[in-house]
Amino acid sequence: MSWDVARDLVVGLLLVLGATMSLAAGVGVMRFSDTLTRLHASTKPQILGLFSLMLAAAIQNASWAVATTTLLVAAFQLLTQPITAHIVGRAAYRQRDETSPELVIDELADVVEHADD
């Protein structure tokens, strides 16, 4: 097997993985009922899918320009996704928007109640 065929096979697998993970993120956002589970579904597979697509682009177009661009996109996503998810989750919690039956013990209820005073 030549290098070009192996590279194309790896790139194809990474593209399928990235597309599948991005699709899973979209389906999770549409199917889940509350904000906290939607946040989980939108951040975890979306980042893995994006990294797979960026890695496929870097392997297919092996140049410094593509490598630096994909590294910048990946770094920006690693920095912004967790912060955004935390801010949205905190806002939803403070607005009492979480309706998950799995949230049995609320350890932050006292802290939020005293912070609102």
PDB file of N, CA and C in Angstrom:
ATOM      1  N   MET A   1       0.855  -1.167   0.000  1.00  0.00           N
ATOM      2  CA  MET A   1       0.000   0.000   0.000  1.00  0.00           C
ATOM      3  C   MET A   1       0.903   1.232   0.000  1.00  0.00           C
ATOM      4  N   SER A   2       0.632   2.137  -0.913  1.00  0.00           N
ATOM      5  CA  SER A   2       1.465   3.330  -1.004  1.00  0.00           C
ATOM      6  C   SER A   2       1.052   4.365   0.036  1.00  0.00           C
ATOM      7  N   TRP A   3       1.911   5.347   0.214  1.00  0.00           N
ATOM      8  CA  TRP A   3       1.666   6.405   1.199  1.00  0.00           C
ATOM      9  C   TRP A   3       0.393   7.190   0.865  1.00  0.00           C
ATOM     10  N   ASP A   4       0.145   7.465  -0.411  1.00  0.00           N
ATOM     11  CA  ASP A   4      -1.040   8.235  -0.798  1.00  0.00           C
ATOM     12  C   ASP A   4      -2.335   7.497  -0.462  1.00  0.00           C
ATOM     13  N   VAL A   5      -2.361   6.206  -0.680  1.00  0.00           N
ATOM     14  CA  VAL A   5      -3.562   5.428  -0.378  1.00  0.00           C
ATOM     15  C   VAL A   5      -3.778   5.365   1.132  1.00  0.00           C
ATOM     16  N   ALA A   6      -2.719   5.150   1.889  1.00  0.00           N
ATOM     17  CA  ALA A   6      -2.838   5.093   3.350  1.00  0.00           C
ATOM     18  C   ALA A   6      -3.282   6.442   3.913  1.00  0.00           C
ATOM     19  N   ARG A   7      -2.708   7.529   3.369  1.00  0.00           N
ATOM     20  CA  ARG A   7      -3.101   8.867   3.820  1.00  0.00           C
ATOM     21  C   ARG A   7      -4.564   9.132   3.520  1.00  0.00           C
ATOM     22  N   ASP A   8      -5.008   8.773   2.326  1.00  0.00           N
ATOM     23  CA  ASP A   8      -6.411   8.989   1.959  1.00  0.00           C
ATOM     24  C   ASP A   8      -7.350   8.153   2.828  1.00  0.00           C
ATOM     25  N   LEU A   9      -6.934   6.954   3.183  1.00  0.00           N
ATOM     26  CA  LEU A   9      -7.743   6.102   4.053  1.00  0.00           C
ATOM     27  C   LEU A   9      -7.867   6.714   5.454  1.00  0.00           C
ATOM     28  N   VAL A  10      -6.763   7.180   6.010  1.00  0.00           N
ATOM     29  CA  VAL A  10      -6.785   7.806   7.337  1.00  0.00           C
ATOM     30  C   VAL A  10      -7.622   9.078   7.317  1.00  0.00           C
ATOM     31  N   VAL A  11      -7.445   9.892   6.281  1.00  0.00           N
ATOM     32  CA  VAL A  11      -8.222  11.132   6.158  1.00  0.00           C
ATOM     33  C   VAL A  11      -9.709  10.820   6.036  1.00  0.00           C
ATOM     34  N   GLY A  12     -10.054   9.817   5.258  1.00  0.00           N
ATOM     35  CA  GLY A  12     -11.454   9.431   5.115  1.00  0.00           C
ATOM     36  C   GLY A  12     -12.070   8.963   6.422  1.00  0.00           C
ATOM     37  N   LEU A  13     -11.313   8.158   7.173  1.00  0.00           N
ATOM     38  CA  LEU A  13     -11.809   7.692   8.473  1.00  0.00           C
ATOM     39  C   LEU A  13     -11.982   8.853   9.454  1.00  0.00           C
ATOM     40  N   LEU A  14     -11.037   9.786   9.454  1.00  0.00           N
ATOM     41  CA  LEU A  14     -11.156  10.942  10.332  1.00  0.00           C
ATOM     42  C   LEU A  14     -12.339  11.827   9.945  1.00  0.00           C
ATOM     43  N   LEU A  15     -12.593  11.972   8.659  1.00  0.00           N
ATOM     44  CA  LEU A  15     -13.741  12.760   8.213  1.00  0.00           C
ATOM     45  C   LEU A  15     -15.062  12.110   8.617  1.00  0.00           C
ATOM     46  N   VAL A  16     -15.129  10.799   8.481  1.00  0.00           N
ATOM     47  CA  VAL A  16     -16.352  10.092   8.894  1.00  0.00           C
ATOM     48  C   VAL A  16     -16.534  10.196  10.404  1.00  0.00           C
ATOM     49  N   LEU A  17     -15.452  10.035  11.166  1.00  0.00           N
ATOM     50  CA  LEU A  17     -15.535  10.173  12.618  1.00  0.00           C
ATOM     51  C   LEU A  17     -15.977  11.584  13.012  1.00  0.00           C
ATOM     52  N   GLY A  18     -15.390  12.596  12.384  1.00  0.00           N
ATOM     53  CA  GLY A  18     -15.757  13.976  12.694  1.00  0.00           C
ATOM     54  C   GLY A  18     -17.198  14.281  12.356  1.00  0.00           C
ATOM     55  N   ALA A  19     -17.653  13.817  11.210  1.00  0.00           N
ATOM     56  CA  ALA A  19     -19.043  14.041  10.820  1.00  0.00           C
ATOM     57  C   ALA A  19     -20.002  13.306  11.745  1.00  0.00           C
ATOM     58  N   THR A  20     -19.648  12.100  12.135  1.00  0.00           N
ATOM     59  CA  THR A  20     -20.503  11.325  13.041  1.00  0.00           C
ATOM     60  C   THR A  20     -20.602  11.986  14.403  1.00  0.00           C
ATOM     61  N   MET A  21     -19.484  12.458  14.927  1.00  0.00           N
ATOM     62  CA  MET A  21     -19.508  13.112  16.230  1.00  0.00           C
ATOM     63  C   MET A  21     -20.282  14.436  16.173  1.00  0.00           C
ATOM     64  N   SER A  22     -20.135  15.181  15.115  1.00  0.00           N
ATOM     65  CA  SER A  22     -20.889  16.425  14.977  1.00  0.00           C
ATOM     66  C   SER A  22     -22.378  16.138  14.844  1.00  0.00           C
ATOM     67  N   LEU A  23     -22.734  15.089  14.133  1.00  0.00           N
ATOM     68  CA  LEU A  23     -24.133  14.691  14.025  1.00  0.00           C
ATOM     69  C   LEU A  23     -24.679  14.257  15.390  1.00  0.00           C
ATOM     70  N   ALA A  24     -23.874  13.518  16.144  1.00  0.00           N
ATOM     71  CA  ALA A  24     -24.300  13.101  17.482  1.00  0.00           C
ATOM     72  C   ALA A  24     -24.531  14.310  18.383  1.00  0.00           C
ATOM     73  N   ALA A  25     -23.699  15.327  18.260  1.00  0.00           N
ATOM     74  CA  ALA A  25     -23.892  16.541  19.051  1.00  0.00           C
ATOM     75  C   ALA A  25     -25.201  17.224  18.671  1.00  0.00           C
ATOM     76  N   GLY A  26     -25.476  17.316  17.395  1.00  0.00           N
ATOM     77  CA  GLY A  26     -26.720  17.945  16.957  1.00  0.00           C
ATOM     78  C   GLY A  26     -27.953  17.163  17.389  1.00  0.00           C
ATOM     79  N   VAL A  27     -27.897  15.858  17.269  1.00  0.00           N
ATOM     80  CA  VAL A  27     -29.031  15.029  17.693  1.00  0.00           C
ATOM     81  C   VAL A  27     -29.225  15.136  19.202  1.00  0.00           C
ATOM     82  N   GLY A  28     -28.138  15.169  19.954  1.00  0.00           N
ATOM     83  CA  GLY A  28     -28.239  15.295  21.398  1.00  0.00           C
ATOM     84  C   GLY A  28     -28.861  16.612  21.823  1.00  0.00           C
ATOM     85  N   VAL A  29     -28.514  17.677  21.141  1.00  0.00           N
ATOM     86  CA  VAL A  29     -29.105  18.981  21.463  1.00  0.00           C
ATOM     87  C   VAL A  29     -30.600  18.974  21.170  1.00  0.00           C
ATOM     88  N   MET A  30     -31.002  18.318  20.131  1.00  0.00           N
ATOM     89  CA  MET A  30     -32.424  18.293  19.780  1.00  0.00           C
ATOM     90  C   MET A  30     -33.222  17.318  20.653  1.00  0.00           C
ATOM     91  N   ARG A  31     -32.619  16.218  21.086  1.00  0.00           N
ATOM     92  CA  ARG A  31     -33.373  15.178  21.793  1.00  0.00           C
ATOM     93  C   ARG A  31     -33.431  15.359  23.300  1.00  0.00           C
ATOM     94  N   PHE A  32     -32.371  15.872  23.898  1.00  0.00           N
ATOM     95  CA  PHE A  32     -32.348  15.961  25.357  1.00  0.00           C
ATOM     96  C   PHE A  32     -33.285  17.053  25.844  1.00  0.00           C
ATOM     97  N   SER A  33     -33.779  16.861  27.071  1.00  0.00           N
ATOM     98  CA  SER A  33     -34.875  17.703  27.539  1.00  0.00           C
ATOM     99  C   SER A  33     -34.435  18.935  28.314  1.00  0.00           C
ATOM    100  N   ASP A  34     -33.312  18.898  28.993  1.00  0.00           N
ATOM    101  CA  ASP A  34     -32.962  20.045  29.821  1.00  0.00           C
ATOM    102  C   ASP A  34     -31.619  20.644  29.404  1.00  0.00           C
ATOM    103  N   THR A  35     -31.340  21.791  29.959  1.00  0.00           N
ATOM    104  CA  THR A  35     -30.173  22.559  29.552  1.00  0.00           C
ATOM    105  C   THR A  35     -28.875  21.850  29.877  1.00  0.00           C
ATOM    106  N   LEU A  36     -28.779  21.252  31.040  1.00  0.00           N
ATOM    107  CA  LEU A  36     -27.517  20.641  31.457  1.00  0.00           C
ATOM    108  C   LEU A  36     -27.133  19.447  30.586  1.00  0.00           C
ATOM    109  N   THR A  37     -28.097  18.615  30.243  1.00  0.00           N
ATOM    110  CA  THR A  37     -27.765  17.481  29.371  1.00  0.00           C
ATOM    111  C   THR A  37     -27.525  17.940  27.939  1.00  0.00           C
ATOM    112  N   ARG A  38     -28.199  18.985  27.511  1.00  0.00           N
ATOM    113  CA  ARG A  38     -27.922  19.540  26.179  1.00  0.00           C
ATOM    114  C   ARG A  38     -26.521  20.111  26.096  1.00  0.00           C
ATOM    115  N   LEU A  39     -26.074  20.746  27.172  1.00  0.00           N
ATOM    116  CA  LEU A  39     -24.703  21.263  27.191  1.00  0.00           C
ATOM    117  C   LEU A  39     -23.698  20.139  27.067  1.00  0.00           C
ATOM    118  N   HIS A  40     -23.927  19.051  27.766  1.00  0.00           N
ATOM    119  CA  HIS A  40     -23.022  17.907  27.673  1.00  0.00           C
ATOM    120  C   HIS A  40     -22.997  17.360  26.247  1.00  0.00           C
ATOM    121  N   ALA A  41     -24.171  17.254  25.656  1.00  0.00           N
ATOM    122  CA  ALA A  41     -24.244  16.707  24.296  1.00  0.00           C
ATOM    123  C   ALA A  41     -23.628  17.653  23.270  1.00  0.00           C
ATOM    124  N   SER A  42     -23.665  18.935  23.519  1.00  0.00           N
ATOM    125  CA  SER A  42     -23.148  19.863  22.518  1.00  0.00           C
ATOM    126  C   SER A  42     -21.649  20.095  22.632  1.00  0.00           C
ATOM    127  N   THR A  43     -21.059  19.902  23.800  1.00  0.00           N
ATOM    128  CA  THR A  43     -19.641  20.209  23.936  1.00  0.00           C
ATOM    129  C   THR A  43     -18.732  19.002  23.713  1.00  0.00           C
ATOM    130  N   LYS A  44     -19.052  17.884  24.286  1.00  0.00           N
ATOM    131  CA  LYS A  44     -18.134  16.742  24.225  1.00  0.00           C
ATOM    132  C   LYS A  44     -17.947  16.205  22.797  1.00  0.00           C
ATOM    133  N   PRO A  45     -19.004  15.754  22.122  1.00  0.00           N
ATOM    134  CA  PRO A  45     -18.772  15.207  20.781  1.00  0.00           C
ATOM    135  C   PRO A  45     -18.430  16.278  19.754  1.00  0.00           C
ATOM    136  N   GLN A  46     -18.851  17.504  19.980  1.00  0.00           N
ATOM    137  CA  GLN A  46     -18.563  18.563  19.017  1.00  0.00           C
ATOM    138  C   GLN A  46     -17.071  18.836  18.962  1.00  0.00           C
ATOM    139  N   ILE A  47     -16.415  18.880  20.106  1.00  0.00           N
ATOM    140  CA  ILE A  47     -14.970  19.143  20.124  1.00  0.00           C
ATOM    141  C   ILE A  47     -14.203  17.968  19.508  1.00  0.00           C
ATOM    142  N   LEU A  48     -14.591  16.745  19.842  1.00  0.00           N
ATOM    143  CA  LEU A  48     -13.927  15.583  19.251  1.00  0.00           C
ATOM    144  C   LEU A  48     -14.147  15.552  17.738  1.00  0.00           C
ATOM    145  N   GLY A  49     -15.348  15.874  17.298  1.00  0.00           N
ATOM    146  CA  GLY A  49     -15.616  15.914  15.862  1.00  0.00           C
ATOM    147  C   GLY A  49     -14.806  16.985  15.157  1.00  0.00           C
ATOM    148  N   LEU A  50     -14.726  18.164  15.764  1.00  0.00           N
ATOM    149  CA  LEU A  50     -13.938  19.237  15.163  1.00  0.00           C
ATOM    150  C   LEU A  50     -12.465  18.881  15.106  1.00  0.00           C
ATOM    151  N   PHE A  51     -11.935  18.279  16.168  1.00  0.00           N
ATOM    152  CA  PHE A  51     -10.532  17.872  16.156  1.00  0.00           C
ATOM    153  C   PHE A  51     -10.257  16.827  15.092  1.00  0.00           C
ATOM    154  N   SER A  52     -11.193  15.920  14.897  1.00  0.00           N
ATOM    155  CA  SER A  52     -11.017  14.912  13.839  1.00  0.00           C
ATOM    156  C   SER A  52     -10.981  15.571  12.466  1.00  0.00           C
ATOM    157  N   LEU A  53     -11.859  16.535  12.246  1.00  0.00           N
ATOM    158  CA  LEU A  53     -11.873  17.234  10.959  1.00  0.00           C
ATOM    159  C   LEU A  53     -10.609  18.067  10.764  1.00  0.00           C
ATOM    160  N   MET A  54     -10.145  18.714  11.810  1.00  0.00           N
ATOM    161  CA  MET A  54      -8.921  19.524  11.712  1.00  0.00           C
ATOM    162  C   MET A  54      -7.702  18.640  11.460  1.00  0.00           C
ATOM    163  N   LEU A  55      -7.656  17.486  12.120  1.00  0.00           N
ATOM    164  CA  LEU A  55      -6.547  16.565  11.901  1.00  0.00           C
ATOM    165  C   LEU A  55      -6.573  16.013  10.473  1.00  0.00           C
ATOM    166  N   ALA A  56      -7.757  15.728   9.960  1.00  0.00           N
ATOM    167  CA  ALA A  56      -7.871  15.258   8.572  1.00  0.00           C
ATOM    168  C   ALA A  56      -7.385  16.321   7.596  1.00  0.00           C
ATOM    169  N   ALA A  57      -7.740  17.588   7.858  1.00  0.00           N
ATOM    170  CA  ALA A  57      -7.278  18.674   6.981  1.00  0.00           C
ATOM    171  C   ALA A  57      -5.763  18.830   7.055  1.00  0.00           C
ATOM    172  N   ALA A  58      -5.204  18.703   8.245  1.00  0.00           N
ATOM    173  CA  ALA A  58      -3.758  18.837   8.393  1.00  0.00           C
ATOM    174  C   ALA A  58      -3.009  17.681   7.728  1.00  0.00           C
ATOM    175  N   ILE A  59      -3.558  16.489   7.789  1.00  0.00           N
ATOM    176  CA  ILE A  59      -2.899  15.342   7.144  1.00  0.00           C
ATOM    177  C   ILE A  59      -3.012  15.452   5.630  1.00  0.00           C
ATOM    178  N   GLN A  60      -4.163  15.839   5.138  1.00  0.00           N
ATOM    179  CA  GLN A  60      -4.371  15.923   3.690  1.00  0.00           C
ATOM    180  C   GLN A  60      -3.520  17.029   3.061  1.00  0.00           C
ATOM    181  N   ASN A  61      -3.448  18.170   3.718  1.00  0.00           N
ATOM    182  CA  ASN A  61      -2.694  19.315   3.188  1.00  0.00           C
ATOM    183  C   ASN A  61      -1.523  19.590   4.118  1.00  0.00           C
ATOM    184  N   ALA A  62      -0.493  18.818   4.003  1.00  0.00           N
ATOM    185  CA  ALA A  62       0.648  18.924   4.912  1.00  0.00           C
ATOM    186  C   ALA A  62       1.479  20.155   4.581  1.00  0.00           C
ATOM    187  N   SER A  63       1.116  21.275   5.201  1.00  0.00           N
ATOM    188  CA  SER A  63       1.894  22.500   5.062  1.00  0.00           C
ATOM    189  C   SER A  63       1.838  23.258   6.386  1.00  0.00           C
ATOM    190  N   TRP A  64       2.784  24.180   6.547  1.00  0.00           N
ATOM    191  CA  TRP A  64       2.814  24.943   7.795  1.00  0.00           C
ATOM    192  C   TRP A  64       1.596  25.844   7.941  1.00  0.00           C
ATOM    193  N   ALA A  65       1.103  26.369   6.849  1.00  0.00           N
ATOM    194  CA  ALA A  65      -0.063  27.254   6.914  1.00  0.00           C
ATOM    195  C   ALA A  65      -1.291  26.504   7.437  1.00  0.00           C
ATOM    196  N   VAL A  66      -1.513  25.311   6.918  1.00  0.00           N
ATOM    197  CA  VAL A  66      -2.661  24.523   7.364  1.00  0.00           C
ATOM    198  C   VAL A  66      -2.456  24.051   8.800  1.00  0.00           C
ATOM    199  N   ALA A  67      -1.241  23.649   9.134  1.00  0.00           N
ATOM    200  CA  ALA A  67      -0.965  23.164  10.487  1.00  0.00           C
ATOM    201  C   ALA A  67      -1.183  24.263  11.529  1.00  0.00           C
ATOM    202  N   THR A  68      -0.706  25.468  11.255  1.00  0.00           N
ATOM    203  CA  THR A  68      -0.896  26.549  12.225  1.00  0.00           C
ATOM    204  C   THR A  68      -2.355  26.960  12.331  1.00  0.00           C
ATOM    205  N   THR A  69      -3.056  26.961  11.211  1.00  0.00           N
ATOM    206  CA  THR A  69      -4.476  27.317  11.246  1.00  0.00           C
ATOM    207  C   THR A  69      -5.276  26.293  12.039  1.00  0.00           C
ATOM    208  N   THR A  70      -5.024  25.018  11.797  1.00  0.00           N
ATOM    209  CA  THR A  70      -5.771  23.990  12.524  1.00  0.00           C
ATOM    210  C   THR A  70      -5.420  24.004  14.012  1.00  0.00           C
ATOM    211  N   LEU A  71      -4.166  24.273  14.350  1.00  0.00           N
ATOM    212  CA  LEU A  71      -3.793  24.381  15.759  1.00  0.00           C
ATOM    213  C   LEU A  71      -4.471  25.573  16.422  1.00  0.00           C
ATOM    214  N   LEU A  72      -4.566  26.691  15.725  1.00  0.00           N
ATOM    215  CA  LEU A  72      -5.249  27.859  16.279  1.00  0.00           C
ATOM    216  C   LEU A  72      -6.737  27.599  16.490  1.00  0.00           C
ATOM    217  N   VAL A  73      -7.369  26.952  15.524  1.00  0.00           N
ATOM    218  CA  VAL A  73      -8.795  26.629  15.662  1.00  0.00           C
ATOM    219  C   VAL A  73      -9.008  25.673  16.834  1.00  0.00           C
ATOM    220  N   ALA A  74      -8.169  24.653  16.939  1.00  0.00           N
ATOM    221  CA  ALA A  74      -8.297  23.689  18.034  1.00  0.00           C
ATOM    222  C   ALA A  74      -8.055  24.357  19.385  1.00  0.00           C
ATOM    223  N   ALA A  75      -7.049  25.207  19.479  1.00  0.00           N
ATOM    224  CA  ALA A  75      -6.769  25.897  20.741  1.00  0.00           C
ATOM    225  C   ALA A  75      -7.918  26.833  21.121  1.00  0.00           C
ATOM    226  N   PHE A  76      -8.447  27.550  20.146  1.00  0.00           N
ATOM    227  CA  PHE A  76      -9.566  28.451  20.424  1.00  0.00           C
ATOM    228  C   PHE A  76     -10.781  27.674  20.915  1.00  0.00           C
ATOM    229  N   GLN A  77     -11.054  26.535  20.319  1.00  0.00           N
ATOM    230  CA  GLN A  77     -12.184  25.711  20.765  1.00  0.00           C
ATOM    231  C   GLN A  77     -11.942  25.144  22.155  1.00  0.00           C
ATOM    232  N   LEU A  78     -10.713  24.717  22.435  1.00  0.00           N
ATOM    233  CA  LEU A  78     -10.409  24.190  23.761  1.00  0.00           C
ATOM    234  C   LEU A  78     -10.547  25.255  24.843  1.00  0.00           C
ATOM    235  N   LEU A  79     -10.277  26.503  24.484  1.00  0.00           N
ATOM    236  CA  LEU A  79     -10.396  27.581  25.457  1.00  0.00           C
ATOM    237  C   LEU A  79     -11.830  28.079  25.618  1.00  0.00           C
ATOM    238  N   THR A  80     -12.588  28.123  24.542  1.00  0.00           N
ATOM    239  CA  THR A  80     -13.906  28.756  24.613  1.00  0.00           C
ATOM    240  C   THR A  80     -15.049  27.803  24.935  1.00  0.00           C
ATOM    241  N   GLN A  81     -15.008  26.571  24.485  1.00  0.00           N
ATOM    242  CA  GLN A  81     -16.125  25.640  24.723  1.00  0.00           C
ATOM    243  C   GLN A  81     -16.384  25.383  26.203  1.00  0.00           C
ATOM    244  N   PRO A  82     -15.393  25.044  27.005  1.00  0.00           N
ATOM    245  CA  PRO A  82     -15.687  24.799  28.422  1.00  0.00           C
ATOM    246  C   PRO A  82     -16.170  26.054  29.150  1.00  0.00           C
ATOM    247  N   ILE A  83     -15.607  27.198  28.817  1.00  0.00           N
ATOM    248  CA  ILE A  83     -16.021  28.440  29.466  1.00  0.00           C
ATOM    249  C   ILE A  83     -17.451  28.784  29.093  1.00  0.00           C
ATOM    250  N   THR A  84     -17.785  28.651  27.824  1.00  0.00           N
ATOM    251  CA  THR A  84     -19.142  28.938  27.379  1.00  0.00           C
ATOM    252  C   THR A  84     -20.140  27.975  28.018  1.00  0.00           C
ATOM    253  N   ALA A  85     -19.805  26.703  28.063  1.00  0.00           N
ATOM    254  CA  ALA A  85     -20.699  25.725  28.675  1.00  0.00           C
ATOM    255  C   ALA A  85     -20.886  26.019  30.163  1.00  0.00           C
ATOM    256  N   HIS A  86     -19.830  26.425  30.829  1.00  0.00           N
ATOM    257  CA  HIS A  86     -19.934  26.755  32.249  1.00  0.00           C
ATOM    258  C   HIS A  86     -20.836  27.970  32.458  1.00  0.00           C
ATOM    259  N   ILE A  87     -20.680  28.987  31.649  1.00  0.00           N
ATOM    260  CA  ILE A  87     -21.498  30.192  31.797  1.00  0.00           C
ATOM    261  C   ILE A  87     -22.968  29.896  31.507  1.00  0.00           C
ATOM    262  N   VAL A  88     -23.245  29.146  30.464  1.00  0.00           N
ATOM    263  CA  VAL A  88     -24.634  28.817  30.135  1.00  0.00           C
ATOM    264  C   VAL A  88     -25.235  27.914  31.207  1.00  0.00           C
ATOM    265  N   GLY A  89     -24.482  26.925  31.685  1.00  0.00           N
ATOM    266  CA  GLY A  89     -24.974  26.050  32.743  1.00  0.00           C
ATOM    267  C   GLY A  89     -25.229  26.798  34.031  1.00  0.00           C
ATOM    268  N   ARG A  90     -24.359  27.720  34.360  1.00  0.00           N
ATOM    269  CA  ARG A  90     -24.552  28.521  35.579  1.00  0.00           C
ATOM    270  C   ARG A  90     -25.774  29.419  35.460  1.00  0.00           C
ATOM    271  N   ALA A  91     -25.946  30.035  34.294  1.00  0.00           N
ATOM    272  CA  ALA A  91     -27.124  30.882  34.096  1.00  0.00           C
ATOM    273  C   ALA A  91     -28.411  30.058  34.152  1.00  0.00           C
ATOM    274  N   ALA A  92     -28.403  28.889  33.556  1.00  0.00           N
ATOM    275  CA  ALA A  92     -29.589  28.027  33.590  1.00  0.00           C
ATOM    276  C   ALA A  92     -29.880  27.573  35.007  1.00  0.00           C
ATOM    277  N   TYR A  93     -28.838  27.262  35.765  1.00  0.00           N
ATOM    278  CA  TYR A  93     -29.038  26.838  37.156  1.00  0.00           C
ATOM    279  C   TYR A  93     -29.616  27.978  37.984  1.00  0.00           C
ATOM    280  N   ARG A  94     -29.073  29.177  37.828  1.00  0.00           N
ATOM    281  CA  ARG A  94     -29.561  30.318  38.600  1.00  0.00           C
ATOM    282  C   ARG A  94     -30.983  30.703  38.216  1.00  0.00           C
ATOM    283  N   GLN A  95     -31.372  30.441  36.993  1.00  0.00           N
ATOM    284  CA  GLN A  95     -32.736  30.730  36.559  1.00  0.00           C
ATOM    285  C   GLN A  95     -33.687  29.583  36.869  1.00  0.00           C
ATOM    286  N   ARG A  96     -33.171  28.539  37.514  1.00  0.00           N
ATOM    287  CA  ARG A  96     -33.954  27.348  37.865  1.00  0.00           C
ATOM    288  C   ARG A  96     -34.511  26.668  36.618  1.00  0.00           C
ATOM    289  N   ASP A  97     -33.702  26.674  35.574  1.00  0.00           N
ATOM    290  CA  ASP A  97     -34.141  26.106  34.299  1.00  0.00           C
ATOM    291  C   ASP A  97     -33.872  24.610  34.215  1.00  0.00           C
ATOM    292  N   GLU A  98     -33.039  24.086  35.101  1.00  0.00           N
ATOM    293  CA  GLU A  98     -32.729  22.669  35.031  1.00  0.00           C
ATOM    294  C   GLU A  98     -33.914  21.867  35.555  1.00  0.00           C
ATOM    295  N   THR A  99     -34.353  20.930  34.765  1.00  0.00           N
ATOM    296  CA  THR A  99     -35.516  20.120  35.122  1.00  0.00           C
ATOM    297  C   THR A  99     -35.194  18.635  35.092  1.00  0.00           C
ATOM    298  N   SER A 100     -33.930  18.326  35.182  1.00  0.00           N
ATOM    299  CA  SER A 100     -33.508  16.939  35.073  1.00  0.00           C
ATOM    300  C   SER A 100     -33.919  16.145  36.306  1.00  0.00           C
ATOM    301  N   PRO A 101     -34.581  15.002  36.114  1.00  0.00           N
ATOM    302  CA  PRO A 101     -34.922  14.162  37.264  1.00  0.00           C
ATOM    303  C   PRO A 101     -33.683  13.515  37.884  1.00  0.00           C
ATOM    304  N   GLU A 102     -32.553  13.510  37.162  1.00  0.00           N
ATOM    305  CA  GLU A 102     -31.325  12.938  37.696  1.00  0.00           C
ATOM    306  C   GLU A 102     -30.679  13.849  38.741  1.00  0.00           C
ATOM    307  N   LEU A 103     -31.084  15.122  38.788  1.00  0.00           N
ATOM    308  CA  LEU A 103     -30.529  16.058  39.751  1.00  0.00           C
ATOM    309  C   LEU A 103     -31.259  15.872  41.077  1.00  0.00           C
ATOM    310  N   VAL A 104     -30.773  14.909  41.870  1.00  0.00           N
ATOM    311  CA  VAL A 104     -31.443  14.533  43.107  1.00  0.00           C
ATOM    312  C   VAL A 104     -30.943  15.386  44.275  1.00  0.00           C
ATOM    313  N   ILE A 105     -29.645  15.518  44.420  1.00  0.00           N
ATOM    314  CA  ILE A 105     -29.060  16.296  45.510  1.00  0.00           C
ATOM    315  C   ILE A 105     -28.527  17.599  44.937  1.00  0.00           C
ATOM    316  N   ASP A 106     -29.020  18.695  45.448  1.00  0.00           N
ATOM    317  CA  ASP A 106     -28.613  20.016  44.977  1.00  0.00           C
ATOM    318  C   ASP A 106     -27.653  20.612  45.999  1.00  0.00           C
ATOM    319  N   GLU A 107     -26.355  20.455  45.757  1.00  0.00           N
ATOM    320  CA  GLU A 107     -25.347  20.913  46.698  1.00  0.00           C
ATOM    321  C   GLU A 107     -25.143  22.424  46.654  1.00  0.00           C
ATOM    322  N   LEU A 108     -25.621  23.072  45.630  1.00  0.00           N
ATOM    323  CA  LEU A 108     -25.407  24.511  45.494  1.00  0.00           C
ATOM    324  C   LEU A 108     -26.614  25.347  45.930  1.00  0.00           C
ATOM    325  N   ALA A 109     -27.685  24.716  46.362  1.00  0.00           N
ATOM    326  CA  ALA A 109     -28.890  25.457  46.693  1.00  0.00           C
ATOM    327  C   ALA A 109     -28.660  26.492  47.794  1.00  0.00           C
ATOM    328  N   ASP A 110     -27.948  26.123  48.857  1.00  0.00           N
ATOM    329  CA  ASP A 110     -27.691  27.064  49.937  1.00  0.00           C
ATOM    330  C   ASP A 110     -26.799  28.207  49.493  1.00  0.00           C
ATOM    331  N   VAL A 111     -25.786  27.882  48.697  1.00  0.00           N
ATOM    332  CA  VAL A 111     -24.854  28.916  48.227  1.00  0.00           C
ATOM    333  C   VAL A 111     -25.580  29.924  47.350  1.00  0.00           C
ATOM    334  N   VAL A 112     -26.406  29.448  46.420  1.00  0.00           N
ATOM    335  CA  VAL A 112     -27.138  30.342  45.529  1.00  0.00           C
ATOM    336  C   VAL A 112     -28.165  31.154  46.313  1.00  0.00           C
ATOM    337  N   GLU A 113     -28.812  30.528  47.274  1.00  0.00           N
ATOM    338  CA  GLU A 113     -29.830  31.240  48.075  1.00  0.00           C
ATOM    339  C   GLU A 113     -29.203  32.389  48.852  1.00  0.00           C
ATOM    340  N   HIS A 114     -28.015  32.162  49.428  1.00  0.00           N
ATOM    341  CA  HIS A 114     -27.334  33.224  50.181  1.00  0.00           C
ATOM    342  C   HIS A 114     -26.724  34.265  49.265  1.00  0.00           C
ATOM    343  N   ALA A 115     -26.338  33.884  48.055  1.00  0.00           N
ATOM    344  CA  ALA A 115     -25.758  34.842  47.112  1.00  0.00           C
ATOM    345  C   ALA A 115     -26.835  35.785  46.564  1.00  0.00           C
ATOM    346  N   ASP A 116     -28.065  35.324  46.478  1.00  0.00           N
ATOM    347  CA  ASP A 116     -29.155  36.165  45.964  1.00  0.00           C
ATOM    348  C   ASP A 116     -29.575  37.220  46.971  1.00  0.00           C
ATOM    349  N   ASP A 117     -29.254  37.029  48.258  1.00  0.00           N
ATOM    350  CA  ASP A 117     -29.661  37.993  49.284  1.00  0.00           C
ATOM    351  C   ASP A 117     -28.930  39.306  49.195  1.00  0.00           C
TER     352      ASP A 117
END
